[in-house]
């Protein structure tokens, strides 16, 4: 159970963003020439940006933690 909880905490937010993006993508595909098509495409692009931001923040925090641990070992 610990493994599942760890995976959910690490990737649950990304999975939920992908799920919402897929629903919005399906709506966008079905809209045709609606004026809402481009704003919904912008929401999808923002979702990709959010996922990239999550990974960037996670990497940044990991680097800061490693630097802090190495500094305390000296």
PDB file of N, CA and C in Angstrom:
ATOM      1  N   UNK A   1       0.819  -1.205   0.000  1.00  0.00           N
ATOM      2  CA  UNK A   1       0.000   0.000   0.000  1.00  0.00           C
ATOM      3  C   UNK A   1       0.855   1.258   0.000  1.00  0.00           C
ATOM      4  N   UNK A   2       2.034   1.175   0.639  1.00  0.00           N
ATOM      5  CA  UNK A   2       2.891   2.353   0.670  1.00  0.00           C
ATOM      6  C   UNK A   2       3.323   2.765  -0.729  1.00  0.00           C
ATOM      7  N   UNK A   3       3.593   1.777  -1.579  1.00  0.00           N
ATOM      8  CA  UNK A   3       4.014   2.077  -2.940  1.00  0.00           C
ATOM      9  C   UNK A   3       2.928   2.789  -3.723  1.00  0.00           C
ATOM     10  N   UNK A   4       1.683   2.340  -3.562  1.00  0.00           N
ATOM     11  CA  UNK A   4       0.571   2.984  -4.263  1.00  0.00           C
ATOM     12  C   UNK A   4       0.379   4.415  -3.782  1.00  0.00           C
ATOM     13  N   UNK A   5       0.451   4.615  -2.474  1.00  0.00           N
ATOM     14  CA  UNK A   5       0.270   5.962  -1.929  1.00  0.00           C
ATOM     15  C   UNK A   5       1.365   6.897  -2.430  1.00  0.00           C
ATOM     16  N   UNK A   6       2.591   6.402  -2.494  1.00  0.00           N
ATOM     17  CA  UNK A   6       3.697   7.228  -2.975  1.00  0.00           C
ATOM     18  C   UNK A   6       3.495   7.601  -4.444  1.00  0.00           C
ATOM     19  N   UNK A   7       3.084   6.618  -5.256  1.00  0.00           N
ATOM     20  CA  UNK A   7       2.834   6.898  -6.672  1.00  0.00           C
ATOM     21  C   UNK A   7       1.683   7.884  -6.843  1.00  0.00           C
ATOM     22  N   UNK A   8       0.637   7.731  -6.028  1.00  0.00           N
ATOM     23  CA  UNK A   8      -0.504   8.633  -6.121  1.00  0.00           C
ATOM     24  C   UNK A   8      -0.098  10.058  -5.761  1.00  0.00           C
ATOM     25  N   UNK A   9       0.705  10.194  -4.721  1.00  0.00           N
ATOM     26  CA  UNK A   9       1.142  11.527  -4.315  1.00  0.00           C
ATOM     27  C   UNK A   9       2.035  12.146  -5.382  1.00  0.00           C
ATOM     28  N   UNK A  10       2.918  11.335  -5.982  1.00  0.00           N
ATOM     29  CA  UNK A  10       3.839  11.868  -6.986  1.00  0.00           C
ATOM     30  C   UNK A  10       3.146  12.189  -8.307  1.00  0.00           C
ATOM     31  N   UNK A  11       2.253  11.309  -8.750  1.00  0.00           N
ATOM     32  CA  UNK A  11       1.711  11.434 -10.100  1.00  0.00           C
ATOM     33  C   UNK A  11       0.197  11.622 -10.156  1.00  0.00           C
ATOM     34  N   UNK A  12      -0.478  11.722  -9.032  1.00  0.00           N
ATOM     35  CA  UNK A  12      -1.928  11.894  -9.024  1.00  0.00           C
ATOM     36  C   UNK A  12      -2.367  13.213  -9.629  1.00  0.00           C
ATOM     37  N   UNK A  13      -1.641  14.275  -9.303  1.00  0.00           N
ATOM     38  CA  UNK A  13      -2.007  15.585  -9.857  1.00  0.00           C
ATOM     39  C   UNK A  13      -1.793  15.619 -11.364  1.00  0.00           C
ATOM     40  N   UNK A  14      -0.726  14.971 -11.819  1.00  0.00           N
ATOM     41  CA  UNK A  14      -0.457  14.935 -13.258  1.00  0.00           C
ATOM     42  C   UNK A  14      -1.527  14.118 -13.972  1.00  0.00           C
ATOM     43  N   UNK A  15      -1.925  12.998 -13.374  1.00  0.00           N
ATOM     44  CA  UNK A  15      -2.968  12.170 -13.986  1.00  0.00           C
ATOM     45  C   UNK A  15      -4.295  12.921 -14.057  1.00  0.00           C
ATOM     46  N   UNK A  16      -4.620  13.673 -13.020  1.00  0.00           N
ATOM     47  CA  UNK A  16      -5.883  14.417 -13.047  1.00  0.00           C
ATOM     48  C   UNK A  16      -5.836  15.542 -14.084  1.00  0.00           C
ATOM     49  N   UNK A  17      -4.692  16.197 -14.225  1.00  0.00           N
ATOM     50  CA  UNK A  17      -4.567  17.234 -15.254  1.00  0.00           C
ATOM     51  C   UNK A  17      -4.722  16.619 -16.637  1.00  0.00           C
ATOM     52  N   UNK A  18      -4.089  15.459 -16.862  1.00  0.00           N
ATOM     53  CA  UNK A  18      -4.218  14.787 -18.157  1.00  0.00           C
ATOM     54  C   UNK A  18      -5.660  14.370 -18.431  1.00  0.00           C
ATOM     55  N   UNK A  19      -6.370  13.924 -17.393  1.00  0.00           N
ATOM     56  CA  UNK A  19      -7.766  13.522 -17.575  1.00  0.00           C
ATOM     57  C   UNK A  19      -8.626  14.718 -17.981  1.00  0.00           C
ATOM     58  N   UNK A  20      -8.435  15.842 -17.310  1.00  0.00           N
ATOM     59  CA  UNK A  20      -9.204  17.040 -17.651  1.00  0.00           C
ATOM     60  C   UNK A  20      -8.846  17.521 -19.051  1.00  0.00           C
ATOM     61  N   UNK A  21      -7.558  17.460 -19.388  1.00  0.00           N
ATOM     62  CA  UNK A  21      -7.145  17.884 -20.727  1.00  0.00           C
ATOM     63  C   UNK A  21      -7.752  16.991 -21.804  1.00  0.00           C
ATOM     64  N   UNK A  22      -7.897  15.704 -21.528  1.00  0.00           N
ATOM     65  CA  UNK A  22      -8.493  14.823 -22.538  1.00  0.00           C
ATOM     66  C   UNK A  22      -9.977  15.128 -22.730  1.00  0.00           C
ATOM     67  N   UNK A  23     -10.686  15.434 -21.650  1.00  0.00           N
ATOM     68  CA  UNK A  23     -12.101  15.799 -21.771  1.00  0.00           C
ATOM     69  C   UNK A  23     -12.244  17.113 -22.539  1.00  0.00           C
ATOM     70  N   UNK A  24     -11.412  18.084 -22.201  1.00  0.00           N
ATOM     71  CA  UNK A  24     -11.461  19.368 -22.904  1.00  0.00           C
ATOM     72  C   UNK A  24     -11.083  19.181 -24.370  1.00  0.00           C
ATOM     73  N   UNK A  25     -10.121  18.299 -24.633  1.00  0.00           N
ATOM     74  CA  UNK A  25      -9.743  18.015 -26.015  1.00  0.00           C
ATOM     75  C   UNK A  25     -10.884  17.402 -26.804  1.00  0.00           C
ATOM     76  N   UNK A  26     -11.621  16.486 -26.170  1.00  0.00           N
ATOM     77  CA  UNK A  26     -12.774  15.885 -26.846  1.00  0.00           C
ATOM     78  C   UNK A  26     -13.850  16.936 -27.126  1.00  0.00           C
ATOM     79  N   UNK A  27     -14.083  17.823 -26.161  1.00  0.00           N
ATOM     80  CA  UNK A  27     -15.053  18.902 -26.384  1.00  0.00           C
ATOM     81  C   UNK A  27     -14.603  19.816 -27.516  1.00  0.00           C
ATOM     82  N   UNK A  28     -13.319  20.128 -27.529  1.00  0.00           N
ATOM     83  CA  UNK A  28     -12.791  21.010 -28.571  1.00  0.00           C
ATOM     84  C   UNK A  28     -12.937  20.374 -29.941  1.00  0.00           C
ATOM     85  N   UNK A  29     -12.680  19.092 -30.017  1.00  0.00           N
ATOM     86  CA  UNK A  29     -12.778  18.382 -31.294  1.00  0.00           C
ATOM     87  C   UNK A  29     -14.213  18.386 -31.816  1.00  0.00           C
ATOM     88  N   UNK A  30     -15.183  18.269 -30.913  1.00  0.00           N
ATOM     89  CA  UNK A  30     -16.593  18.191 -31.309  1.00  0.00           C
ATOM     90  C   UNK A  30     -17.214  19.547 -31.611  1.00  0.00           C
ATOM     91  N   UNK A  31     -16.556  20.628 -31.234  1.00  0.00           N
ATOM     92  CA  UNK A  31     -17.173  21.951 -31.358  1.00  0.00           C
ATOM     93  C   UNK A  31     -17.228  22.482 -32.780  1.00  0.00           C
ATOM     94  N   UNK A  32     -16.353  22.044 -33.623  1.00  0.00           N
ATOM     95  CA  UNK A  32     -16.388  22.544 -34.996  1.00  0.00           C
ATOM     96  C   UNK A  32     -15.917  23.981 -35.087  1.00  0.00           C
ATOM     97  N   UNK A  33     -16.785  24.870 -35.570  1.00  0.00           N
ATOM     98  CA  UNK A  33     -16.411  26.271 -35.773  1.00  0.00           C
ATOM     99  C   UNK A  33     -16.918  27.189 -34.663  1.00  0.00           C
ATOM    100  N   UNK A  34     -17.044  26.671 -33.479  1.00  0.00           N
ATOM    101  CA  UNK A  34     -17.518  27.471 -32.355  1.00  0.00           C
ATOM    102  C   UNK A  34     -16.458  28.504 -31.949  1.00  0.00           C
ATOM    103  N   UNK A  35     -16.883  29.663 -31.455  1.00  0.00           N
ATOM    104  CA  UNK A  35     -15.904  30.647 -30.983  1.00  0.00           C
ATOM    105  C   UNK A  35     -15.173  30.196 -29.710  1.00  0.00           C
ATOM    106  N   UNK A  36     -15.662  29.156 -29.049  1.00  0.00           N
ATOM    107  CA  UNK A  36     -15.019  28.649 -27.836  1.00  0.00           C
ATOM    108  C   UNK A  36     -13.881  27.677 -28.130  1.00  0.00           C
ATOM    109  N   UNK A  37     -13.693  27.362 -29.386  1.00  0.00           N
ATOM    110  CA  UNK A  37     -12.681  26.356 -29.734  1.00  0.00           C
ATOM    111  C   UNK A  37     -11.267  26.810 -29.349  1.00  0.00           C
ATOM    112  N   UNK A  38     -10.900  28.029 -29.682  1.00  0.00           N
ATOM    113  CA  UNK A  38      -9.542  28.497 -29.403  1.00  0.00           C
ATOM    114  C   UNK A  38      -9.282  28.708 -27.917  1.00  0.00           C
ATOM    115  N   UNK A  39     -10.222  29.235 -27.151  1.00  0.00           N
ATOM    116  CA  UNK A  39      -9.964  29.306 -25.704  1.00  0.00           C
ATOM    117  C   UNK A  39      -9.783  27.923 -25.072  1.00  0.00           C
ATOM    118  N   UNK A  40     -10.529  26.929 -25.562  1.00  0.00           N
ATOM    119  CA  UNK A  40     -10.349  25.585 -25.016  1.00  0.00           C
ATOM    120  C   UNK A  40      -9.000  24.999 -25.415  1.00  0.00           C
ATOM    121  N   UNK A  41      -8.532  25.308 -26.604  1.00  0.00           N
ATOM    122  CA  UNK A  41      -7.177  24.885 -26.982  1.00  0.00           C
ATOM    123  C   UNK A  41      -6.133  25.554 -26.093  1.00  0.00           C
ATOM    124  N   UNK A  42      -6.381  26.796 -25.710  1.00  0.00           N
ATOM    125  CA  UNK A  42      -5.472  27.480 -24.790  1.00  0.00           C
ATOM    126  C   UNK A  42      -5.465  26.800 -23.424  1.00  0.00           C
ATOM    127  N   UNK A  43      -6.608  26.278 -22.992  1.00  0.00           N
ATOM    128  CA  UNK A  43      -6.672  25.541 -21.726  1.00  0.00           C
ATOM    129  C   UNK A  43      -5.823  24.275 -21.810  1.00  0.00           C
ATOM    130  N   UNK A  44      -5.854  23.603 -22.944  1.00  0.00           N
ATOM    131  CA  UNK A  44      -5.047  22.397 -23.122  1.00  0.00           C
ATOM    132  C   UNK A  44      -3.559  22.743 -23.070  1.00  0.00           C
ATOM    133  N   UNK A  45      -3.160  23.809 -23.741  1.00  0.00           N
ATOM    134  CA  UNK A  45      -1.755  24.230 -23.716  1.00  0.00           C
ATOM    135  C   UNK A  45      -1.342  24.626 -22.298  1.00  0.00           C
ATOM    136  N   UNK A  46      -2.232  25.294 -21.578  1.00  0.00           N
ATOM    137  CA  UNK A  46      -1.944  25.653 -20.191  1.00  0.00           C
ATOM    138  C   UNK A  46      -1.792  24.407 -19.323  1.00  0.00           C
ATOM    139  N   UNK A  47      -2.547  23.363 -19.621  1.00  0.00           N
ATOM    140  CA  UNK A  47      -2.397  22.106 -18.892  1.00  0.00           C
ATOM    141  C   UNK A  47      -1.023  21.498 -19.095  1.00  0.00           C
ATOM    142  N   UNK A  48      -0.541  21.514 -20.347  1.00  0.00           N
ATOM    143  CA  UNK A  48       0.818  21.026 -20.598  1.00  0.00           C
ATOM    144  C   UNK A  48       1.846  21.881 -19.857  1.00  0.00           C
ATOM    145  N   UNK A  49       1.637  23.180 -19.851  1.00  0.00           N
ATOM    146  CA  UNK A  49       2.541  24.067 -19.116  1.00  0.00           C
ATOM    147  C   UNK A  49       2.532  23.785 -17.625  1.00  0.00           C
ATOM    148  N   UNK A  50       1.370  23.468 -17.084  1.00  0.00           N
ATOM    149  CA  UNK A  50       1.267  23.134 -15.669  1.00  0.00           C
ATOM    150  C   UNK A  50       2.033  21.863 -15.353  1.00  0.00           C
ATOM    151  N   UNK A  51       1.922  20.859 -16.216  1.00  0.00           N
ATOM    152  CA  UNK A  51       2.647  19.607 -15.998  1.00  0.00           C
ATOM    153  C   UNK A  51       4.152  19.852 -16.045  1.00  0.00           C
ATOM    154  N   UNK A  52       4.607  20.633 -17.012  1.00  0.00           N
ATOM    155  CA  UNK A  52       6.037  20.962 -17.090  1.00  0.00           C
ATOM    156  C   UNK A  52       6.468  21.714 -15.835  1.00  0.00           C
ATOM    157  N   UNK A  53       5.641  22.635 -15.367  1.00  0.00           N
ATOM    158  CA  UNK A  53       5.947  23.373 -14.144  1.00  0.00           C
ATOM    159  C   UNK A  53       6.039  22.475 -12.926  1.00  0.00           C
ATOM    160  N   UNK A  54       5.159  21.498 -12.826  1.00  0.00           N
ATOM    161  CA  UNK A  54       5.199  20.564 -11.699  1.00  0.00           C
ATOM    162  C   UNK A  54       6.508  19.789 -11.705  1.00  0.00           C
ATOM    163  N   UNK A  55       6.904  19.282 -12.881  1.00  0.00           N
ATOM    164  CA  UNK A  55       8.162  18.541 -12.956  1.00  0.00           C
ATOM    165  C   UNK A  55       9.360  19.443 -12.657  1.00  0.00           C
ATOM    166  N   UNK A  56       9.330  20.689 -13.116  1.00  0.00           N
ATOM    167  CA  UNK A  56      10.431  21.605 -12.859  1.00  0.00           C
ATOM    168  C   UNK A  56      10.553  21.903 -11.367  1.00  0.00           C
ATOM    169  N   UNK A  57       9.435  22.171 -10.711  1.00  0.00           N
ATOM    170  CA  UNK A  57       9.448  22.452  -9.273  1.00  0.00           C
ATOM    171  C   UNK A  57       9.933  21.235  -8.503  1.00  0.00           C
ATOM    172  N   UNK A  58       9.486  20.058  -8.901  1.00  0.00           N
ATOM    173  CA  UNK A  58       9.911  18.835  -8.223  1.00  0.00           C
ATOM    174  C   UNK A  58      11.425  18.651  -8.338  1.00  0.00           C
ATOM    175  N   UNK A  59      11.982  18.882  -9.534  1.00  0.00           N
ATOM    176  CA  UNK A  59      13.432  18.771  -9.719  1.00  0.00           C
ATOM    177  C   UNK A  59      14.177  19.814  -8.901  1.00  0.00           C
ATOM    178  N   UNK A  60      13.653  21.033  -8.862  1.00  0.00           N
ATOM    179  CA  UNK A  60      14.285  22.108  -8.099  1.00  0.00           C
ATOM    180  C   UNK A  60      14.319  21.772  -6.610  1.00  0.00           C
ATOM    181  N   UNK A  61      13.212  21.280  -6.085  1.00  0.00           N
ATOM    182  CA  UNK A  61      13.157  20.929  -4.666  1.00  0.00           C
ATOM    183  C   UNK A  61      14.110  19.777  -4.367  1.00  0.00           C
ATOM    184  N   UNK A  62      14.182  18.789  -5.252  1.00  0.00           N
ATOM    185  CA  UNK A  62      15.111  17.676  -5.043  1.00  0.00           C
ATOM    186  C   UNK A  62      16.556  18.160  -5.028  1.00  0.00           C
ATOM    187  N   UNK A  63      16.908  19.080  -5.929  1.00  0.00           N
ATOM    188  CA  UNK A  63      18.277  19.617  -5.940  1.00  0.00           C
ATOM    189  C   UNK A  63      18.573  20.397  -4.667  1.00  0.00           C
ATOM    190  N   UNK A  64      17.611  21.180  -4.190  1.00  0.00           N
ATOM    191  CA  UNK A  64      17.827  21.939  -2.964  1.00  0.00           C
ATOM    192  C   UNK A  64      17.987  21.009  -1.767  1.00  0.00           C
ATOM    193  N   UNK A  65      17.217  19.931  -1.742  1.00  0.00           N
ATOM    194  CA  UNK A  65      17.319  18.968  -0.649  1.00  0.00           C
ATOM    195  C   UNK A  65      18.678  18.284  -0.665  1.00  0.00           C
ATOM    196  N   UNK A  66      19.151  17.881  -1.851  1.00  0.00           N
ATOM    197  CA  UNK A  66      20.468  17.249  -1.950  1.00  0.00           C
ATOM    198  C   UNK A  66      21.567  18.211  -1.517  1.00  0.00           C
ATOM    199  N   UNK A  67      21.491  19.457  -1.940  1.00  0.00           N
ATOM    200  CA  UNK A  67      22.505  20.440  -1.561  1.00  0.00           C
ATOM    201  C   UNK A  67      22.495  20.670  -0.059  1.00  0.00           C
ATOM    202  N   UNK A  68      21.334  20.707   0.537  1.00  0.00           N
ATOM    203  CA  UNK A  68      21.230  20.897   1.982  1.00  0.00           C
ATOM    204  C   UNK A  68      21.778  19.692   2.738  1.00  0.00           C
ATOM    205  N   UNK A  69      21.515  18.483   2.231  1.00  0.00           N
ATOM    206  CA  UNK A  69      22.044  17.282   2.882  1.00  0.00           C
ATOM    207  C   UNK A  69      23.558  17.207   2.749  1.00  0.00           C
ATOM    208  N   UNK A  70      24.098  17.572   1.593  1.00  0.00           N
ATOM    209  CA  UNK A  70      25.543  17.551   1.406  1.00  0.00           C
ATOM    210  C   UNK A  70      26.215  18.621   2.259  1.00  0.00           C
ATOM    211  N   UNK A  71      25.576  19.748   2.431  1.00  0.00           N
ATOM    212  CA  UNK A  71      26.124  20.804   3.275  1.00  0.00           C
ATOM    213  C   UNK A  71      26.141  20.418   4.737  1.00  0.00           C
ATOM    214  N   UNK A  72      25.158  19.675   5.187  1.00  0.00           N
ATOM    215  CA  UNK A  72      25.107  19.267   6.592  1.00  0.00           C
ATOM    216  C   UNK A  72      26.063  18.119   6.881  1.00  0.00           C
ATOM    217  N   UNK A  73      26.470  17.374   5.860  1.00  0.00           N
ATOM    218  CA  UNK A  73      27.407  16.272   6.069  1.00  0.00           C
ATOM    219  C   UNK A  73      28.835  16.774   6.217  1.00  0.00           C
ATOM    220  N   UNK A  74      29.126  17.960   5.701  1.00  0.00           N
ATOM    221  CA  UNK A  74      30.495  18.489   5.779  1.00  0.00           C
ATOM    222  C   UNK A  74      30.786  18.963   7.126  1.00  0.00           C
TER     223      UNK A  74
END
